[in-house]
Protein backbone atom coordinates (compact mmCIF):
# COMPACT_ATOMS: atom_id res chain seq x y z
CA MET A 1 -59.28 134.03 -40.96
CA ALA A 2 -60.09 131.59 -38.26
CA GLU A 3 -63.39 131.19 -40.15
CA ILE A 4 -61.79 130.41 -43.66
CA THR A 5 -59.12 128.40 -41.52
CA ALA A 6 -62.03 125.63 -40.45
CA VAL A 7 -63.49 125.96 -43.78
CA GLU A 8 -60.75 124.25 -44.90
CA LYS A 9 -60.01 121.78 -42.32
CA ILE A 10 -63.60 120.59 -43.33
CA LYS A 11 -62.64 120.57 -47.05
CA ASP A 12 -59.68 118.13 -46.58
CA LYS A 13 -61.83 116.00 -44.64
CA TRP A 14 -64.43 116.14 -47.25
CA LEU A 15 -61.51 115.37 -49.96
CA SER A 16 -60.77 112.66 -48.17
CA SER A 17 -63.96 111.09 -47.89
CA TRP A 18 -64.65 111.29 -51.76
CA GLU A 19 -63.31 108.24 -53.06
CA SER A 20 -65.28 106.18 -50.32
CA ALA A 21 -68.34 107.32 -51.12
CA VAL A 22 -67.78 106.63 -54.82
CA SER A 23 -67.03 102.97 -54.08
CA LEU A 24 -70.55 102.94 -52.73
CA TRP A 25 -71.96 102.73 -55.72
CA SER A 26 -69.11 101.10 -58.05
CA PRO A 27 -65.58 100.14 -57.16
CA TYR A 28 -64.60 100.55 -61.19
CA VAL A 29 -66.24 104.13 -61.57
CA GLN A 30 -64.06 106.44 -61.76
CA LEU A 31 -65.44 110.39 -60.92
CA ARG A 32 -63.39 113.42 -60.64
CA GLN A 33 -62.67 114.85 -57.68
CA PRO A 34 -65.48 117.20 -56.18
CA LEU A 35 -65.10 121.13 -56.34
CA LEU A 36 -65.31 122.30 -52.86
CA CYS A 37 -65.77 126.10 -52.81
CA GLU A 38 -64.75 127.86 -49.60
CA THR A 39 -66.89 130.96 -50.38
CA GLU A 40 -70.00 130.86 -51.54
CA LYS A 41 -69.02 133.78 -53.94
CA GLU A 42 -66.50 130.94 -55.26
CA ALA A 43 -69.82 128.40 -55.46
CA ALA A 44 -72.19 131.15 -57.56
CA LYS A 45 -69.27 131.11 -59.82
CA GLU A 46 -69.25 127.46 -60.23
CA GLY A 47 -73.29 128.05 -60.73
CA LEU A 48 -74.48 126.66 -57.47
CA THR A 49 -76.34 129.64 -55.74
CA SER A 50 -79.24 128.04 -54.28
CA SER A 51 -78.31 124.68 -52.62
CA PHE A 52 -75.31 123.80 -51.05
CA ALA A 53 -74.49 121.27 -53.52
CA MET A 54 -75.22 120.55 -57.38
CA ILE A 55 -73.70 118.13 -60.17
CA ARG A 56 -73.12 118.92 -64.08
CA LEU A 57 -73.38 116.03 -66.36
CA THR A 58 -71.71 117.61 -68.99
CA ASP A 59 -68.70 117.25 -67.15
CA TYR A 60 -69.33 114.46 -64.48
CA SER A 61 -68.79 117.20 -61.39
CA VAL A 62 -69.68 117.39 -58.42
CA VAL A 63 -69.88 121.09 -56.75
CA VAL A 64 -70.12 121.91 -52.92
CA SER A 65 -70.64 124.77 -50.78
CA MET A 66 -68.02 124.41 -47.71
CA ALA A 67 -69.49 127.86 -46.56
CA LYS A 68 -73.18 126.63 -46.56
CA ILE A 69 -71.91 123.06 -45.49
CA LYS A 70 -70.64 124.70 -42.19
CA LYS A 71 -73.62 127.39 -41.84
CA LEU A 72 -76.31 125.03 -42.12
CA GLY A 73 -74.23 122.19 -39.32
CA LEU A 74 -73.95 119.55 -42.44
CA GLU A 75 -70.15 119.07 -41.67
CA ASP A 76 -70.39 115.74 -40.14
CA PHE A 77 -71.71 114.35 -43.04
CA PRO A 78 -69.44 113.77 -46.10
CA MET A 79 -70.29 110.24 -47.00
CA GLU A 80 -74.07 111.02 -47.09
CA ILE A 81 -73.58 114.16 -49.11
CA LEU A 82 -71.09 113.36 -51.33
CA GLY A 83 -72.37 109.70 -51.89
CA HIS A 84 -75.58 111.51 -53.04
CA GLU A 85 -74.26 113.55 -55.28
CA ALA A 86 -72.04 110.48 -56.88
CA GLY A 87 -75.34 108.85 -56.47
CA HIS A 88 -76.57 111.02 -59.48
CA HIS A 89 -73.68 110.59 -61.57
CA VAL A 90 -73.79 106.71 -61.64
CA TYR A 91 -77.48 105.78 -60.50
CA CYS A 92 -80.10 108.37 -61.57
CA PRO A 93 -80.47 110.52 -63.82
CA ALA A 94 -76.82 109.65 -64.94
CA ASP A 95 -76.84 111.21 -68.27
CA LEU A 96 -78.46 113.72 -70.18
CA THR A 97 -80.82 111.49 -72.22
CA ASP A 98 -82.39 110.15 -69.32
CA LEU A 99 -83.45 113.62 -67.32
CA GLY A 100 -85.34 114.23 -70.25
CA ARG A 101 -86.78 111.10 -70.64
CA VAL A 102 -87.54 111.68 -66.51
CA ILE A 103 -89.13 115.23 -67.82
CA GLY A 104 -91.16 113.94 -70.52
CA ARG A 105 -93.07 111.72 -68.10
CA ILE A 106 -93.08 113.96 -65.42
CA GLN A 107 -94.57 116.76 -67.31
CA ALA A 108 -96.87 114.72 -69.16
CA SER A 109 -98.71 113.36 -65.40
CA ILE A 110 -98.58 117.72 -64.50
CA PRO A 111 -100.48 119.18 -66.89
CA GLY A 112 -100.61 122.75 -66.46
CA TYR A 113 -97.24 122.62 -64.35
CA GLU A 114 -94.72 121.44 -66.74
CA LYS A 115 -92.21 124.14 -65.93
CA HIS A 116 -92.27 122.41 -61.96
CA ALA A 117 -91.30 118.81 -63.63
CA PRO A 118 -87.54 119.76 -63.36
CA MET A 119 -87.97 120.21 -59.73
CA ILE A 120 -90.48 116.70 -59.07
CA ALA A 121 -87.51 115.10 -61.31
CA ASN A 122 -85.08 116.22 -58.39
CA LEU A 123 -87.14 115.10 -56.07
CA TYR A 124 -87.41 111.72 -57.42
CA GLU A 125 -84.19 110.77 -58.13
CA ASP A 126 -83.19 112.03 -54.51
CA LEU A 127 -85.60 109.94 -53.02
CA LEU A 128 -84.28 106.95 -55.10
CA ILE A 129 -80.65 107.50 -54.14
CA ASN A 130 -80.88 108.54 -50.70
CA ASP A 131 -83.15 105.39 -49.86
CA ARG A 132 -80.32 103.23 -51.25
CA LEU A 133 -77.77 104.51 -49.38
CA PHE A 134 -79.68 103.97 -46.18
CA ARG A 135 -80.95 100.50 -46.28
CA GLU A 136 -77.75 99.09 -48.16
CA HIS A 137 -74.98 101.51 -46.71
CA HIS A 138 -76.49 102.57 -43.29
CA LEU A 139 -75.92 106.20 -43.94
CA LYS A 140 -77.39 108.84 -41.74
CA MET A 141 -79.53 109.94 -44.27
CA ASP A 142 -82.57 110.55 -41.93
CA ARG A 143 -80.07 112.79 -39.99
CA VAL A 144 -79.46 114.89 -42.39
CA TYR A 145 -82.77 116.12 -43.34
CA GLU A 146 -83.72 115.90 -39.32
CA LYS A 147 -81.01 118.43 -39.44
CA MET A 148 -82.01 120.44 -42.07
CA LYS A 149 -86.11 120.21 -40.46
CA GLY A 150 -87.54 123.98 -39.64
CA GLY A 151 -90.93 124.81 -39.72
CA SER A 152 -92.29 124.22 -43.14
CA THR A 153 -95.92 124.06 -43.46
CA ASP A 154 -96.05 123.26 -47.45
CA LYS A 155 -98.00 120.17 -47.95
CA LEU A 156 -95.73 118.85 -51.10
CA TRP A 157 -92.81 118.49 -48.29
CA ASN A 158 -94.20 117.18 -45.98
CA PHE A 159 -95.97 114.46 -48.12
CA TYR A 160 -92.37 113.98 -49.40
CA MET A 161 -90.75 113.78 -45.66
CA ARG A 162 -93.83 111.10 -44.62
CA THR A 163 -92.41 109.24 -47.42
CA TYR A 164 -88.79 108.90 -45.81
CA GLU A 165 -90.35 107.62 -42.54
CA ILE A 166 -92.34 105.05 -44.15
CA LEU A 167 -89.54 103.99 -45.91
CA TRP A 168 -86.97 103.84 -43.06
CA ALA A 169 -89.88 103.16 -40.22
CA LEU A 170 -89.05 106.21 -38.55
CA PRO A 171 -91.51 107.81 -35.87
CA ALA A 172 -93.96 110.26 -37.18
CA LYS A 173 -92.74 113.97 -36.84
CA THR A 174 -89.05 112.60 -37.06
CA LEU A 175 -88.61 114.30 -40.61
CA THR A 176 -92.12 115.61 -41.14
CA GLU A 177 -92.85 119.73 -39.81
CA LYS A 178 -97.03 119.11 -38.59
CA PRO A 179 -99.53 116.26 -38.56
CA VAL A 180 -100.39 114.25 -41.11
CA GLU A 181 -103.76 114.33 -42.76
CA ILE A 182 -105.18 111.27 -44.15
CA GLU A 183 -104.61 112.05 -47.97
CA ILE A 184 -100.90 112.68 -47.29
CA GLU A 185 -100.71 109.21 -45.44
CA GLY A 186 -101.92 107.15 -48.52
CA ASP A 187 -99.70 109.47 -51.02
CA ALA A 188 -96.82 108.67 -48.75
CA ILE A 189 -97.01 105.03 -49.07
CA LEU A 190 -98.10 104.92 -52.48
CA ALA A 191 -95.38 107.07 -53.15
CA SER A 192 -93.03 104.62 -50.91
CA ARG A 193 -93.95 101.61 -52.50
CA ILE A 194 -93.43 103.20 -55.70
CA ALA A 195 -89.63 104.09 -54.77
CA ARG A 196 -89.08 100.62 -53.98
CA ASN A 197 -91.17 98.59 -56.63
CA PHE A 198 -89.07 101.39 -59.67
CA ALA A 199 -85.64 101.40 -58.26
CA ARG A 200 -84.53 99.32 -60.85
CA GLU A 201 -86.38 100.99 -63.20
CA TRP A 202 -86.28 104.32 -62.38
CA ILE A 203 -87.51 106.06 -65.68
CA ARG A 204 -90.93 103.99 -65.72
CA GLY A 205 -91.53 105.49 -62.45
CA SER A 206 -90.88 108.95 -62.35
CA GLY A 207 -94.73 109.70 -64.20
CA GLU A 208 -96.25 107.33 -61.30
CA PHE A 209 -94.52 109.77 -58.84
CA ALA A 210 -95.20 112.89 -60.21
CA SER A 211 -98.93 111.79 -61.03
CA ILE A 212 -99.16 111.44 -57.42
CA CYS A 213 -97.11 115.35 -56.53
CA TYR A 214 -99.79 116.87 -59.44
CA ARG A 215 -102.77 117.02 -56.19
CA TYR A 216 -100.30 119.29 -54.17
CA LEU A 217 -99.39 121.49 -57.17
CA LEU A 218 -102.77 121.87 -58.63
CA GLU A 219 -103.80 123.10 -54.39
CA SER A 220 -101.18 125.06 -54.26
CA GLY A 221 -99.72 126.10 -56.96
CA GLU A 222 -96.27 126.81 -56.42
CA PRO A 223 -94.00 124.30 -54.10
CA GLY A 224 -92.59 126.33 -51.10
CA LYS A 225 -88.90 127.26 -50.70
CA LYS A 226 -88.54 125.13 -48.58
CA VAL A 227 -87.66 122.46 -51.54
CA ASP A 228 -84.65 124.91 -53.70
CA ILE A 229 -82.01 124.22 -50.94
CA TRP A 230 -82.40 120.27 -51.44
CA LEU A 231 -82.56 120.75 -55.33
CA ASP A 232 -79.37 119.92 -56.66
CA ALA A 233 -79.81 118.03 -60.10
CA ILE A 234 -82.45 120.81 -61.23
CA GLU A 235 -80.44 121.97 -64.36
CA PRO A 236 -77.22 119.88 -64.40
CA GLY A 237 -76.23 120.79 -68.17
CA ASP A 238 -74.73 123.74 -69.32
CA GLY A 239 -77.20 125.10 -71.36
CA GLU A 240 -75.76 124.02 -75.25
CA THR A 241 -75.60 121.06 -74.83
CA VAL A 242 -78.76 118.44 -76.48
CA PRO A 243 -78.69 115.20 -75.74
CA PRO A 244 -80.22 112.64 -78.18
CA GLY A 245 -83.03 110.28 -77.73
CA LEU A 246 -85.30 112.57 -76.75
CA VAL A 247 -87.30 112.90 -79.89
CA GLN A 248 -88.75 109.69 -79.66
CA ALA A 249 -91.44 108.95 -76.87
CA ASP A 250 -91.17 106.35 -74.34
CA GLY A 251 -93.75 103.75 -74.84
CA ASP A 252 -95.55 104.41 -71.78
CA ASP A 253 -95.04 108.48 -72.04
CA SER A 254 -98.14 109.13 -71.70
CA ALA A 255 -99.96 109.97 -68.16
CA PRO A 256 -100.07 107.09 -65.42
CA GLU A 257 -102.75 105.09 -65.80
CA SER A 258 -102.66 105.00 -61.51
CA LEU A 259 -103.34 109.01 -61.76
CA PRO A 260 -106.06 109.23 -59.33
CA ASP A 261 -109.74 109.37 -60.36
CA GLU A 262 -110.45 113.09 -58.51
CA LEU A 263 -107.54 114.32 -60.51
CA LYS A 264 -108.37 112.60 -64.10
CA ASP A 265 -110.95 115.54 -65.15
CA SER A 266 -109.02 118.71 -64.34
CA ALA A 267 -105.65 116.63 -66.36
CA ASP A 268 -107.77 115.91 -69.47
CA LYS A 269 -109.53 119.33 -70.08
CA PRO A 270 -109.63 119.96 -74.03
CA GLY A 271 -108.46 122.79 -75.98
CA ASP A 272 -104.83 123.02 -74.00
CA ARG A 273 -102.58 121.81 -76.63
CA ASN A 274 -100.09 121.20 -73.56
CA ARG A 275 -102.09 118.43 -72.39
CA SER A 276 -102.06 116.15 -75.42
CA ARG A 277 -102.21 112.58 -74.11
CA SER A 278 -100.69 111.52 -77.78
CA ARG A 279 -99.38 108.03 -77.85
CA SER A 280 -97.45 108.51 -80.81
CA SER A 281 -93.91 107.01 -80.75
CA TYR A 282 -92.58 110.56 -81.06
CA ARG A 283 -92.93 113.43 -79.22
CA GLU A 284 -94.64 116.17 -80.80
CA PRO A 285 -91.96 119.18 -81.01
CA PHE A 286 -93.30 121.55 -79.00
CA GLN A 287 -93.18 118.98 -76.27
CA TYR A 288 -89.81 118.37 -77.23
CA GLY A 289 -88.90 121.99 -76.71
CA GLN A 290 -90.58 122.29 -73.71
CA ILE A 291 -88.23 118.85 -72.22
CA LEU A 292 -85.13 121.21 -74.03
CA ARG A 293 -86.45 124.19 -71.78
CA ALA A 294 -86.84 122.61 -68.60
CA MET A 295 -83.22 121.11 -68.74
CA GLY A 296 -81.94 124.70 -68.92
CA ILE A 297 -81.19 124.37 -73.08
CA ASP A 298 -81.26 127.83 -74.10
CA LEU A 299 -82.48 127.42 -77.56
CA THR A 300 -84.51 129.65 -79.67
CA GLU A 301 -87.65 127.83 -81.32
CA GLN A 302 -86.29 128.20 -84.63
CA GLU A 303 -83.10 125.99 -83.28
CA ILE A 304 -84.67 123.29 -81.35
CA ALA A 305 -87.46 122.73 -84.52
CA ALA A 306 -84.23 122.41 -86.49
CA ARG A 307 -82.39 119.78 -83.86
CA TYR A 308 -86.30 117.58 -84.04
CA TYR A 309 -86.32 117.32 -87.56
CA ARG A 310 -82.93 116.30 -87.56
CA GLU A 311 -82.90 113.31 -85.46
CA ARG A 312 -86.43 112.59 -86.98
CA ALA A 313 -84.99 112.61 -90.52
CA ILE A 314 -81.17 110.65 -89.13
CA PRO A 315 -83.09 106.82 -89.35
CA TYR A 316 -84.73 107.46 -92.66
CA LEU A 317 -81.52 109.07 -94.82
CA ILE A 318 -80.80 107.58 -97.66
CA LYS A 319 -78.45 107.85 -100.39
CA PHE A 320 -78.80 110.49 -103.51
CA PRO A 321 -79.29 109.43 -106.53
CA SER A 322 -75.79 110.23 -108.67
CA VAL A 323 -75.73 109.94 -112.60
CA GLU A 324 -72.98 108.11 -114.42
CA MET A 325 -70.25 109.86 -115.93
CA PRO A 326 -67.46 108.60 -118.89
CA GLU A 327 -64.69 108.61 -116.46
CA SER A 328 -63.39 108.90 -112.88
CA GLU A 329 -61.21 110.84 -111.50
CA GLU A 330 -59.15 109.81 -108.59
CA PRO A 331 -58.56 111.28 -105.53
CA LEU A 332 -55.29 113.12 -104.81
CA PRO A 333 -54.17 114.60 -101.61
CA GLU A 334 -53.48 118.32 -101.91
CA GLY A 335 -53.50 119.44 -98.03
CA VAL A 336 -56.39 120.50 -95.44
CA LYS A 337 -58.95 123.45 -94.77
CA GLU A 338 -60.71 124.33 -92.09
CA TRP A 339 -63.71 122.82 -91.66
CA GLU A 340 -66.63 124.59 -89.90
CA ALA A 341 -69.72 123.65 -87.92
CA GLY A 342 -72.33 123.23 -90.29
CA ASP A 343 -70.16 121.65 -92.77
CA ALA A 344 -70.73 117.70 -93.98
CA PHE A 345 -69.49 116.15 -91.36
CA GLU A 346 -68.01 113.11 -93.00
CA ASN A 347 -65.47 115.66 -94.51
CA LEU A 348 -63.90 115.76 -91.00
CA SER A 349 -60.52 114.68 -90.74
CA LEU A 350 -60.48 113.63 -86.86
CA PHE A 351 -56.54 112.52 -88.10
CA ASP A 352 -55.02 115.93 -89.62
CA SER A 353 -57.04 117.86 -86.51
CA LEU A 354 -55.57 115.74 -83.97
CA LEU A 355 -52.41 116.83 -84.94
CA ARG A 356 -52.95 120.30 -84.80
CA SER A 357 -54.52 120.06 -81.31
CA PRO A 358 -55.83 117.49 -79.24
CA VAL A 359 -58.40 120.05 -78.34
CA LEU A 360 -61.61 120.01 -81.20
CA ILE A 361 -63.15 123.48 -81.64
CA PRO A 362 -64.89 123.23 -84.84
CA GLY A 363 -64.13 126.63 -87.28
CA TYR A 364 -60.55 126.54 -85.49
CA THR A 365 -59.12 123.60 -84.92
CA THR A 366 -61.10 121.42 -87.27
CA VAL A 367 -59.95 120.85 -90.32
CA GLU A 368 -61.03 118.55 -93.90
CA ARG A 369 -58.82 117.13 -96.50
CA ILE A 370 -58.25 118.93 -99.75
CA THR A 371 -58.14 116.72 -102.95
CA GLY A 372 -57.51 117.17 -106.22
CA THR A 373 -58.12 114.58 -108.95
CA SER A 374 -56.00 112.37 -111.41
CA LYS A 375 -57.68 110.30 -114.22
CA GLY A 376 -58.91 106.87 -113.38
CA LYS A 377 -60.35 104.03 -115.62
CA GLU A 378 -63.66 103.37 -113.86
CA PRO A 379 -67.19 105.15 -114.17
CA ALA A 380 -67.17 108.07 -111.73
CA THR A 381 -70.50 108.86 -110.51
CA GLU A 382 -72.03 112.61 -110.12
CA PRO A 383 -74.48 113.76 -107.57
CA VAL A 384 -77.75 115.72 -108.83
CA ASP A 385 -78.52 118.62 -106.79
CA LEU A 386 -81.77 119.70 -105.31
CA ASP A 387 -84.13 122.44 -105.53
CA ILE A 388 -86.78 121.97 -103.01
CA TYR A 389 -89.43 124.39 -102.71
CA ILE A 390 -91.66 123.64 -99.35
CA ASP A 391 -95.42 125.08 -98.86
CA SER A 392 -95.79 126.97 -95.69
CA SER A 393 -99.29 128.59 -96.34
CA GLY A 394 -102.45 128.60 -94.07
CA SER A 395 -103.21 124.85 -94.70
CA MET A 396 -100.06 123.57 -93.26
CA PRO A 397 -98.77 122.95 -89.61
CA ASP A 398 -96.48 124.97 -88.09
CA PRO A 399 -93.62 123.04 -87.58
CA ALA A 400 -92.22 123.97 -84.45
CA VAL A 401 -95.53 122.73 -83.21
CA ASN A 402 -96.44 119.95 -84.60
CA THR A 403 -95.17 117.65 -87.03
CA SER A 404 -94.98 118.74 -89.99
CA TYR A 405 -94.47 115.85 -92.49
CA LEU A 406 -93.91 118.11 -95.37
CA THR A 407 -90.44 119.65 -93.08
CA LEU A 408 -89.35 115.69 -92.23
CA ALA A 409 -89.71 114.87 -95.77
CA GLY A 410 -87.88 117.70 -96.29
CA ALA A 411 -85.25 117.09 -94.21
CA VAL A 412 -84.92 113.57 -95.14
CA ILE A 413 -84.69 114.36 -98.79
CA CYS A 414 -81.83 117.24 -98.24
CA LEU A 415 -79.52 115.65 -95.94
CA SER A 416 -79.46 112.49 -98.14
CA ALA A 417 -78.69 114.96 -100.52
CA LEU A 418 -76.01 116.35 -98.73
CA ARG A 419 -74.96 113.04 -97.73
CA GLY A 420 -74.44 112.05 -101.08
CA GLY A 421 -72.29 115.17 -102.13
CA SER A 422 -75.21 117.34 -104.03
CA LYS A 423 -75.84 120.83 -103.17
CA VAL A 424 -79.41 121.96 -101.90
CA GLN A 425 -81.21 124.97 -102.80
CA ALA A 426 -84.41 125.61 -100.14
CA THR A 427 -87.29 127.76 -100.62
CA LEU A 428 -89.87 127.92 -98.18
CA TRP A 429 -93.14 130.07 -99.40
CA SER A 430 -96.44 131.24 -98.94
CA GLY A 431 -98.12 134.07 -100.24
CA THR A 432 -97.03 136.54 -102.18
CA ASN A 433 -93.45 137.90 -101.50
CA GLU A 434 -93.70 135.86 -98.69
CA PHE A 435 -90.56 133.22 -99.04
CA ILE A 436 -87.20 132.27 -97.54
CA LYS A 437 -84.59 131.06 -99.16
CA THR A 438 -80.84 129.27 -98.97
CA ASP A 439 -78.46 131.87 -100.72
CA GLY A 440 -78.35 129.86 -103.95
CA PHE A 441 -77.22 125.68 -103.97
CA VAL A 442 -75.91 125.11 -100.44
CA ARG A 443 -74.00 122.31 -98.55
CA ASN A 444 -74.46 124.25 -94.87
CA GLU A 445 -76.89 121.41 -93.11
CA LYS A 446 -77.68 124.58 -90.84
CA GLU A 447 -78.86 126.75 -93.26
CA ILE A 448 -80.69 124.51 -95.12
CA LEU A 449 -82.58 123.65 -91.52
CA ALA A 450 -83.11 126.61 -90.69
CA ILE A 451 -85.22 127.27 -94.07
CA LEU A 452 -87.79 123.75 -93.90
CA THR A 453 -88.41 124.68 -89.93
CA GLY A 454 -89.56 128.26 -90.95
CA PHE A 455 -93.67 128.85 -90.99
CA PHE A 456 -95.52 131.46 -92.98
CA GLY A 457 -98.85 130.57 -92.42
CA GLY A 458 -100.30 132.87 -94.98
CA SER A 459 -102.02 132.72 -98.48
CA THR A 460 -100.71 130.79 -101.54
CA ALA A 461 -98.67 132.67 -103.84
CA PHE A 462 -95.75 129.72 -105.98
CA PRO A 463 -92.56 132.36 -105.33
CA ILE A 464 -92.21 131.69 -109.72
CA HIS A 465 -89.45 134.33 -109.76
CA VAL A 466 -86.99 132.44 -107.49
CA MET A 467 -87.26 129.56 -109.90
CA ARG A 468 -87.32 131.72 -113.05
CA GLU A 469 -83.89 134.19 -111.76
CA THR A 470 -82.55 130.31 -110.75
CA TYR A 471 -82.92 129.03 -114.65
CA MET A 472 -83.24 130.87 -116.91
CA LYS A 473 -79.45 132.26 -116.54
CA ARG A 474 -78.19 129.15 -116.14
CA LYS A 475 -74.75 128.44 -117.33
CA THR A 476 -73.99 125.66 -119.87
CA GLY A 477 -71.97 122.26 -118.14
CA SER A 478 -73.79 123.32 -114.84
CA ARG A 479 -74.52 120.26 -112.57
CA LYS A 480 -78.07 118.36 -113.27
CA VAL A 481 -80.60 119.71 -110.81
CA HIS A 482 -84.05 117.87 -109.70
CA ILE A 483 -86.73 120.33 -108.91
CA LEU A 484 -88.82 118.91 -106.33
CA VAL A 485 -92.27 120.92 -105.00
CA ILE A 486 -94.04 119.88 -101.88
CA SER A 487 -97.58 121.19 -101.71
CA ASP A 488 -101.19 120.73 -102.26
CA ASP A 489 -103.52 121.67 -105.08
CA GLY A 490 -102.39 125.64 -104.07
CA VAL A 491 -98.98 124.00 -106.73
CA THR A 492 -101.25 125.50 -109.25
CA THR A 493 -100.57 129.32 -108.73
CA MET A 494 -96.80 128.52 -110.49
CA PHE A 495 -98.46 128.95 -113.93
CA ASP A 496 -99.99 132.57 -112.81
CA LYS A 497 -98.24 135.20 -113.97
CA ASP A 498 -95.16 136.62 -112.20
CA GLU A 499 -94.26 140.37 -111.39
CA LYS A 500 -93.06 140.91 -114.80
CA GLY A 501 -96.20 139.63 -116.49
CA ASN A 502 -94.22 136.46 -117.85
CA ASP A 503 -96.82 133.33 -117.61
CA GLY A 504 -95.95 131.15 -114.78
CA ARG A 505 -96.41 127.68 -117.30
CA ASP A 506 -93.90 129.49 -119.85
CA ILE A 507 -91.04 129.77 -116.93
CA ALA A 508 -92.21 125.93 -115.36
CA ILE A 509 -91.46 124.42 -118.90
CA ALA A 510 -88.43 126.98 -119.20
CA ALA A 511 -86.61 125.51 -115.59
CA LEU A 512 -87.71 122.06 -116.35
CA ARG A 513 -85.56 121.37 -119.54
CA GLU A 514 -82.66 123.94 -118.24
CA CYS A 515 -82.48 121.61 -114.92
CA GLY A 516 -81.75 118.62 -116.62
CA GLY A 517 -82.90 116.34 -113.68
CA GLY A 518 -86.77 116.11 -114.02
CA GLY A 519 -89.21 117.81 -112.06
CA THR A 520 -91.28 115.68 -109.09
CA PHE A 521 -94.44 117.14 -107.68
CA ALA A 522 -95.27 115.55 -103.99
CA LEU A 523 -98.93 116.86 -103.55
CA ASN A 524 -101.56 116.17 -100.95
CA ILE A 525 -105.00 116.05 -103.32
CA TYR A 526 -107.65 113.62 -104.25
CA ASP A 527 -108.16 114.46 -107.79
CA MET A 528 -106.10 115.59 -110.37
CA ASN A 529 -107.54 119.11 -111.85
CA ASP A 530 -106.37 120.16 -115.10
CA GLU A 531 -104.00 122.51 -114.25
CA LEU A 532 -101.76 119.60 -113.11
CA LYS A 533 -103.04 117.30 -115.41
CA MET A 534 -101.18 120.27 -118.08
CA ALA A 535 -98.33 120.05 -115.54
CA GLU A 536 -98.09 115.88 -115.96
CA LYS A 537 -98.08 116.70 -119.78
CA MET A 538 -95.07 119.07 -119.33
CA GLY A 539 -92.68 116.72 -117.98
CA TRP A 540 -93.69 117.35 -114.20
CA ASP A 541 -93.65 113.73 -112.45
CA ILE A 542 -96.58 114.21 -109.67
CA TYR A 543 -97.29 111.75 -106.80
CA PRO A 544 -100.36 112.35 -104.95
CA VAL A 545 -100.67 111.72 -101.24
CA THR A 546 -104.07 111.39 -99.50
CA ASP A 547 -102.33 112.15 -96.19
CA TRP A 548 -99.40 114.12 -95.00
CA GLU A 549 -97.63 110.83 -93.33
CA GLU A 550 -97.60 109.17 -96.74
CA LEU A 551 -94.47 111.72 -97.68
CA MET A 552 -92.12 109.08 -95.42
CA LYS A 553 -92.82 106.94 -97.84
CA PHE A 554 -92.48 109.24 -100.88
CA SER A 555 -88.95 110.49 -99.60
CA ARG A 556 -87.89 106.72 -99.72
CA GLU A 557 -89.63 105.99 -103.16
CA PHE A 558 -87.90 109.79 -104.78
CA VAL A 559 -84.48 108.16 -105.74
CA LYS A 560 -85.44 105.30 -107.01
CA LYS A 561 -88.56 106.04 -109.36
CA HIS A 562 -86.37 109.14 -110.93
CA TYR A 563 -82.96 107.95 -111.32
CA GLY A 564 -83.18 104.48 -111.63
CA ARG A 565 -80.33 103.20 -109.61
CA LYS A 566 -81.55 101.37 -106.47
CA ARG A 567 -79.68 103.05 -103.69
CA VAL A 568 -81.72 103.66 -100.54
């Protein structure tokens, strides 16, 4: 009982230091009070296990295990530890997007050891925060590390501690735990310069710092357990929240030019996709996935791919074309219905949802308005639905690994169609009986993206039966549909016989007639063969590209070319 009382006294002292610790960074910053857990069991419930403190960027929390603080003899350092944790919230990483950017840079600097990027990011951020607290606010950051000194022989940790000694002009062996080799001394001097020179542009300096750490990962393979107790910001998310802005790479995201010469050879071994040094303005899907997993975000490969292509598509979204109708109908409010995740975001009524509950929970408290119609006087427009078929045979890239412009163009057009009020039927196809599709024409963004980001990689056989079943029993008065096929010369398998012996040519002609909105082939081809010339005579509009990237231009021109309404 006396032990708990002692912890409670420490807790009260630390709580009284919180506001002063936060004000070290700014008098205008407001953070919620820290969660000071009296027992290790309480700390574990909050997700704090290895270290004695941690941050959560999703709810702006600081969690501290007071039991560990007392056990480690750190009870006299509330300003140092709380000020440090506040620094993670205010200075670096501050938010999940910047954390992801840092991890991306670090992963590019430590090929083959990408799984250690969160650890290196945490050490780098700590270095910057601690240096600022020591120099500008004269806090005893050196005493915290000295208190925890304990016989580690890990070279990475020795290099890291020597960096602090140089930054703070401390005698050798104040923090280091064994004699410093010449190579470590040189690395520590360089790291100390990075900490000072990149203090204001800390994201840029992260790759430079990681390139120094890479030497020690190559030598040891695994960092020592000594590091674990200090990792207070290694996974500061909730495992679900995906920050925006990580699809686009920073301009100098590749391995730093300062990578030591002796390390460059091992960094540039061919044949490893994870060692790509592409200077593209966008990350590849597998790189995007590596960053999310390093941040502790638990998503499937398909979910990661869907988020990747959605984020890349958003800047290019266009309004899908509409056909003028003789007379418009004015909206007439009739109530509300539940709005669920996956429904069009523009349909969400925030006002009505907040009237129901101040807490927005998709599918429970979120609603959209139901409107009837009354006759109006202005011409109305009716959206054209989209029936899209995307080739996923062996000649196409896997969209979950490398950028697939078929998938990206499909995402731009499908999301634009949804934005314009259209419904979409999406079909991904490869060989015979290798296809997946949405459940008819839908407005569910998640369902559509799940189809677009799939992959077969097999032979080539257009799903003639899907087209047949879509249009052969089409009801009179159904909304117009535009059929879009994105493929290469494998599209000509559309004209083969189906499983019932029907001629694919006849089905293609009938589908084009029944859809009412026209049809387009966007194809990666160099020459028009006889079958494609025949398709053109049927009425199919053929858009040839010689490079898949040209599909982005096609996705923008698609609306103008086929509907004559200049809406982009």
